[in-house]
């Protein structure tokens, strides 16, 4: 991989992580312990693998939250 491609990949990775952190803040979880957040995300991953209706339900909640950003 060239130096420029490596730099671009690192920038994209950093941008992705910042955006994910922003989701934690938007959800009102900024001050929760990291272990709790990680545990919740691991549990969510397991639930999403076994329940498509849960994925749809949570997607609708998230879409509504993004739609209300101006409020």
N, C-alpha and C. Protein backbone atom coordinates (compact mmCIF):
# COMPACT_ATOMS: atom_id res chain seq x y z
N UNK A 1 0.85 -1.18 0.00
CA UNK A 1 0.00 0.00 0.00
C UNK A 1 0.89 1.23 0.00
N UNK A 2 0.56 2.17 -0.82
CA UNK A 2 1.37 3.38 -0.89
C UNK A 2 1.13 4.24 0.34
N UNK A 3 2.05 5.15 0.54
CA UNK A 3 1.95 6.05 1.70
C UNK A 3 0.65 6.85 1.66
N UNK A 4 0.27 7.34 0.48
CA UNK A 4 -0.94 8.15 0.34
C UNK A 4 -2.20 7.32 0.63
N UNK A 5 -2.24 6.09 0.12
CA UNK A 5 -3.38 5.22 0.37
C UNK A 5 -3.49 4.89 1.85
N UNK A 6 -2.36 4.67 2.51
CA UNK A 6 -2.35 4.39 3.93
C UNK A 6 -2.87 5.59 4.70
N UNK A 7 -2.44 6.77 4.32
CA UNK A 7 -2.88 8.00 4.96
C UNK A 7 -4.39 8.19 4.78
N UNK A 8 -4.89 7.95 3.58
CA UNK A 8 -6.32 8.08 3.32
C UNK A 8 -7.12 7.08 4.14
N UNK A 9 -6.62 5.85 4.25
CA UNK A 9 -7.32 4.83 5.03
C UNK A 9 -7.35 5.21 6.51
N UNK A 10 -6.26 5.76 7.01
CA UNK A 10 -6.22 6.19 8.41
C UNK A 10 -7.17 7.35 8.65
N UNK A 11 -7.25 8.28 7.71
CA UNK A 11 -8.17 9.41 7.85
C UNK A 11 -9.62 8.93 7.86
N UNK A 12 -9.94 7.97 6.99
CA UNK A 12 -11.30 7.43 6.94
C UNK A 12 -11.62 6.72 8.25
N UNK A 13 -10.68 5.94 8.75
CA UNK A 13 -10.89 5.23 10.01
C UNK A 13 -11.13 6.22 11.15
N UNK A 14 -10.35 7.27 11.19
CA UNK A 14 -10.51 8.29 12.23
C UNK A 14 -11.87 8.96 12.11
N UNK A 15 -12.28 9.31 10.90
CA UNK A 15 -13.58 9.95 10.67
C UNK A 15 -14.72 9.02 11.11
N UNK A 16 -14.61 7.73 10.79
CA UNK A 16 -15.63 6.76 11.20
C UNK A 16 -15.75 6.70 12.73
N UNK A 17 -14.62 6.68 13.41
CA UNK A 17 -14.63 6.60 14.88
C UNK A 17 -15.22 7.85 15.49
N UNK A 18 -14.93 9.00 14.93
CA UNK A 18 -15.51 10.25 15.43
C UNK A 18 -17.03 10.24 15.24
N UNK A 19 -17.48 9.78 14.09
CA UNK A 19 -18.92 9.71 13.85
C UNK A 19 -19.60 8.74 14.82
N UNK A 20 -18.96 7.61 15.08
CA UNK A 20 -19.54 6.64 16.03
C UNK A 20 -19.60 7.23 17.44
N UNK A 21 -18.58 7.97 17.82
CA UNK A 21 -18.61 8.66 19.11
C UNK A 21 -19.74 9.67 19.16
N UNK A 22 -19.99 10.34 18.06
CA UNK A 22 -21.10 11.29 17.99
C UNK A 22 -22.44 10.62 18.21
N UNK A 23 -22.57 9.38 17.76
CA UNK A 23 -23.82 8.64 17.99
C UNK A 23 -24.02 8.37 19.48
N UNK A 24 -22.95 8.07 20.18
CA UNK A 24 -23.04 7.85 21.62
C UNK A 24 -23.53 9.12 22.30
N UNK A 25 -22.99 10.25 21.91
CA UNK A 25 -23.39 11.54 22.47
C UNK A 25 -24.86 11.82 22.13
N UNK A 26 -25.24 11.63 20.87
CA UNK A 26 -26.61 11.90 20.43
C UNK A 26 -27.61 11.04 21.18
N UNK A 27 -27.22 9.83 21.53
CA UNK A 27 -28.10 8.92 22.26
C UNK A 27 -28.21 9.28 23.75
N UNK A 28 -27.42 10.27 24.18
CA UNK A 28 -27.47 10.69 25.58
C UNK A 28 -26.66 9.80 26.50
N UNK A 29 -25.67 9.11 25.95
CA UNK A 29 -24.88 8.16 26.72
C UNK A 29 -23.45 8.61 26.97
N UNK A 30 -23.18 9.89 26.78
CA UNK A 30 -21.82 10.42 26.87
C UNK A 30 -21.13 10.07 28.19
N UNK A 31 -21.86 10.09 29.28
CA UNK A 31 -21.22 9.93 30.58
C UNK A 31 -21.33 8.52 31.16
N UNK A 32 -21.80 7.58 30.35
CA UNK A 32 -21.85 6.18 30.80
C UNK A 32 -20.45 5.58 30.74
N UNK A 33 -20.24 4.57 31.57
CA UNK A 33 -18.94 3.90 31.58
C UNK A 33 -18.73 3.14 30.28
N UNK A 34 -17.49 3.12 29.85
CA UNK A 34 -17.16 2.44 28.60
C UNK A 34 -17.51 0.96 28.64
N UNK A 35 -17.33 0.32 29.79
CA UNK A 35 -17.66 -1.10 29.90
C UNK A 35 -19.15 -1.33 29.69
N UNK A 36 -19.97 -0.44 30.20
CA UNK A 36 -21.42 -0.56 30.00
C UNK A 36 -21.76 -0.40 28.53
N UNK A 37 -21.19 0.59 27.88
CA UNK A 37 -21.46 0.82 26.47
C UNK A 37 -21.03 -0.37 25.62
N UNK A 38 -19.86 -0.89 25.88
CA UNK A 38 -19.38 -2.04 25.12
C UNK A 38 -20.27 -3.25 25.37
N UNK A 39 -20.65 -3.48 26.62
CA UNK A 39 -21.54 -4.59 26.92
C UNK A 39 -22.88 -4.46 26.21
N UNK A 40 -23.42 -3.24 26.18
CA UNK A 40 -24.69 -3.02 25.50
C UNK A 40 -24.56 -3.28 24.00
N UNK A 41 -23.46 -2.85 23.41
CA UNK A 41 -23.25 -3.06 21.98
C UNK A 41 -23.05 -4.54 21.64
N UNK A 42 -22.35 -5.26 22.49
CA UNK A 42 -22.16 -6.71 22.27
C UNK A 42 -23.49 -7.43 22.37
N UNK A 43 -24.30 -7.06 23.38
CA UNK A 43 -25.62 -7.65 23.54
C UNK A 43 -26.50 -7.33 22.33
N UNK A 44 -26.43 -6.10 21.85
CA UNK A 44 -27.21 -5.70 20.68
C UNK A 44 -26.82 -6.53 19.47
N UNK A 45 -25.52 -6.72 19.28
CA UNK A 45 -25.06 -7.53 18.13
C UNK A 45 -25.68 -8.93 18.18
N UNK A 46 -25.72 -9.53 19.36
CA UNK A 46 -26.30 -10.87 19.51
C UNK A 46 -27.80 -10.85 19.20
N UNK A 47 -28.50 -9.83 19.71
CA UNK A 47 -29.95 -9.74 19.48
C UNK A 47 -30.25 -9.51 18.00
N UNK A 48 -29.45 -8.70 17.34
CA UNK A 48 -29.70 -8.42 15.92
C UNK A 48 -29.49 -9.65 15.05
N UNK A 49 -28.57 -10.50 15.45
CA UNK A 49 -28.32 -11.72 14.67
C UNK A 49 -29.51 -12.67 14.73
N UNK A 50 -30.26 -12.62 15.82
CA UNK A 50 -31.32 -13.60 16.01
C UNK A 50 -32.73 -13.05 15.84
N UNK A 51 -32.87 -11.74 15.58
CA UNK A 51 -34.21 -11.16 15.54
C UNK A 51 -34.28 -10.00 14.55
N UNK A 52 -34.80 -10.29 13.35
CA UNK A 52 -34.90 -9.25 12.33
C UNK A 52 -35.89 -8.15 12.70
N UNK A 53 -36.92 -8.49 13.48
CA UNK A 53 -37.89 -7.47 13.87
C UNK A 53 -37.24 -6.45 14.82
N UNK A 54 -36.29 -6.89 15.61
CA UNK A 54 -35.57 -5.96 16.50
C UNK A 54 -34.75 -4.98 15.67
N UNK A 55 -34.14 -5.46 14.61
CA UNK A 55 -33.37 -4.59 13.72
C UNK A 55 -34.28 -3.52 13.12
N UNK A 56 -35.45 -3.92 12.66
CA UNK A 56 -36.40 -2.97 12.07
C UNK A 56 -36.89 -1.96 13.10
N UNK A 57 -37.20 -2.43 14.29
CA UNK A 57 -37.68 -1.56 15.36
C UNK A 57 -36.64 -0.51 15.72
N UNK A 58 -35.41 -0.93 15.90
CA UNK A 58 -34.34 -0.01 16.29
C UNK A 58 -33.97 0.95 15.16
N UNK A 59 -34.05 0.47 13.92
CA UNK A 59 -33.79 1.34 12.78
C UNK A 59 -34.81 2.46 12.72
N UNK A 60 -36.06 2.14 12.99
CA UNK A 60 -37.12 3.16 12.99
C UNK A 60 -36.88 4.20 14.09
N UNK A 61 -36.47 3.76 15.25
CA UNK A 61 -36.17 4.69 16.35
C UNK A 61 -35.01 5.61 15.96
N UNK A 62 -33.97 5.05 15.38
CA UNK A 62 -32.81 5.84 14.97
C UNK A 62 -33.15 6.82 13.87
N UNK A 63 -33.94 6.38 12.89
CA UNK A 63 -34.34 7.27 11.79
C UNK A 63 -35.15 8.43 12.32
N UNK A 64 -36.01 8.18 13.29
CA UNK A 64 -36.80 9.26 13.88
C UNK A 64 -35.89 10.23 14.62
N UNK A 65 -34.90 9.72 15.34
CA UNK A 65 -33.96 10.60 16.05
C UNK A 65 -33.17 11.46 15.08
N UNK A 66 -32.74 10.92 13.98
CA UNK A 66 -32.02 11.71 12.98
C UNK A 66 -32.95 12.74 12.34
N UNK A 67 -34.21 12.38 12.17
CA UNK A 67 -35.17 13.31 11.59
C UNK A 67 -35.48 14.48 12.49
N UNK A 68 -35.25 14.32 13.79
CA UNK A 68 -35.56 15.35 14.77
C UNK A 68 -34.32 16.16 15.17
N UNK A 69 -33.25 16.11 14.38
CA UNK A 69 -32.01 16.78 14.74
C UNK A 69 -32.18 18.28 14.88
N UNK A 70 -33.09 18.88 14.13
CA UNK A 70 -33.26 20.33 14.18
C UNK A 70 -34.09 20.80 15.36
N UNK A 71 -34.67 19.88 16.11
CA UNK A 71 -35.54 20.27 17.23
C UNK A 71 -34.78 20.42 18.52
